[in-house]
Protein backbone atom coordinates (compact mmCIF):
# COMPACT_ATOMS: atom_id res chain seq x y z
CA MET A 1 71.66 -80.61 215.18
CA GLY A 2 74.62 -78.63 216.67
CA CYS A 3 77.21 -80.99 215.47
CA HIS A 4 75.10 -83.03 212.64
CA GLN A 5 72.83 -82.10 210.23
CA ILE A 6 70.67 -84.56 207.90
CA ASP A 7 72.31 -83.91 204.46
CA LYS A 8 75.37 -81.98 205.04
CA THR A 9 78.39 -82.15 207.09
CA ARG A 10 78.87 -79.88 210.24
CA VAL A 11 81.12 -80.81 212.96
CA GLY A 12 79.95 -84.45 212.58
CA PRO A 13 78.97 -86.51 209.50
CA PRO A 14 75.25 -86.12 207.99
CA PHE A 15 72.85 -88.45 209.59
CA ALA A 16 71.95 -89.60 206.14
CA ALA A 17 75.83 -90.74 205.85
CA VAL A 18 75.43 -92.55 208.91
CA ALA A 19 72.14 -94.22 208.04
CA GLU A 20 73.85 -95.51 204.63
CA ARG A 21 76.73 -97.07 206.61
CA TYR A 22 75.04 -98.80 209.22
CA VAL A 23 71.48 -99.31 208.00
CA ALA A 24 72.47 -102.98 206.35
CA GLY A 25 72.81 -104.33 209.98
CA GLY A 26 69.20 -104.31 211.04
CA GLN A 27 68.35 -104.12 214.89
CA PRO A 28 72.00 -104.64 215.99
CA MET A 29 72.74 -101.32 214.43
CA VAL A 30 70.01 -99.76 216.18
CA ASN A 31 71.29 -100.72 219.50
CA TYR A 32 74.98 -99.77 218.12
CA LEU A 33 73.96 -96.33 217.30
CA ALA A 34 71.78 -95.81 220.63
CA ASN A 35 75.09 -96.50 222.23
CA SER A 36 77.33 -94.28 220.65
CA ILE A 37 74.81 -91.79 221.04
CA ARG A 38 75.00 -91.93 224.88
CA LYS A 39 78.69 -92.91 225.43
CA GLY A 40 80.20 -91.14 222.56
CA GLY A 41 82.96 -92.40 220.01
CA ARG A 42 86.03 -91.61 218.17
CA GLY A 43 88.18 -92.67 214.96
CA ARG A 44 84.70 -93.64 212.82
CA TRP A 45 84.52 -90.80 211.21
CA GLY A 46 87.87 -88.89 211.36
CA ALA A 47 89.52 -87.21 214.12
CA VAL A 48 86.92 -85.33 215.56
CA PRO A 49 85.45 -87.46 218.57
CA MET A 50 81.73 -87.76 219.12
CA PRO A 51 81.17 -86.73 223.03
CA ALA A 52 78.96 -88.55 225.05
CA GLN A 53 75.49 -87.62 225.84
CA PRO A 54 74.60 -89.27 229.24
CA GLN A 55 71.47 -86.80 229.48
CA VAL A 56 69.81 -88.76 226.80
CA THR A 57 67.81 -91.77 228.15
CA GLU A 58 68.31 -95.22 226.59
CA GLU A 59 65.09 -95.24 224.96
CA GLU A 60 65.20 -91.50 223.74
CA ALA A 61 68.66 -92.76 222.24
CA THR A 62 67.15 -96.07 220.68
CA ALA A 63 64.33 -93.60 219.01
CA LEU A 64 67.17 -91.39 217.66
CA ALA A 65 69.03 -94.30 216.27
CA THR A 66 65.96 -95.67 214.53
CA TRP A 67 65.19 -92.41 213.09
CA ILE A 68 68.71 -91.75 211.64
CA LEU A 69 68.79 -95.25 210.06
CA SER A 70 65.26 -94.26 208.41
CA LEU A 71 67.06 -91.91 206.33
CA ALA A 72 69.05 -94.51 204.54
CA SER A 73 68.35 -94.27 200.84
CA PRO A 74 65.52 -97.36 199.90
CA ALA A 75 67.34 -100.50 198.58
CA LYS A 76 66.77 -100.84 194.54
């Protein structure tokens, strides 16, 4: 939670905004987000890069990605 908050911008985008952007993709998006957590990224949300988190296991990254996507607003 040092770089992201659930509903407010900190260093990175809010988890809820990440969920809204990627929830429509289904399972491939879980894998995509899990990979982004472990390997980092740049340019998707502005100039500040997301550092890699290699200490996070694949299983932990998948659980985090699943939780993040669960924050998306329900479809109307």
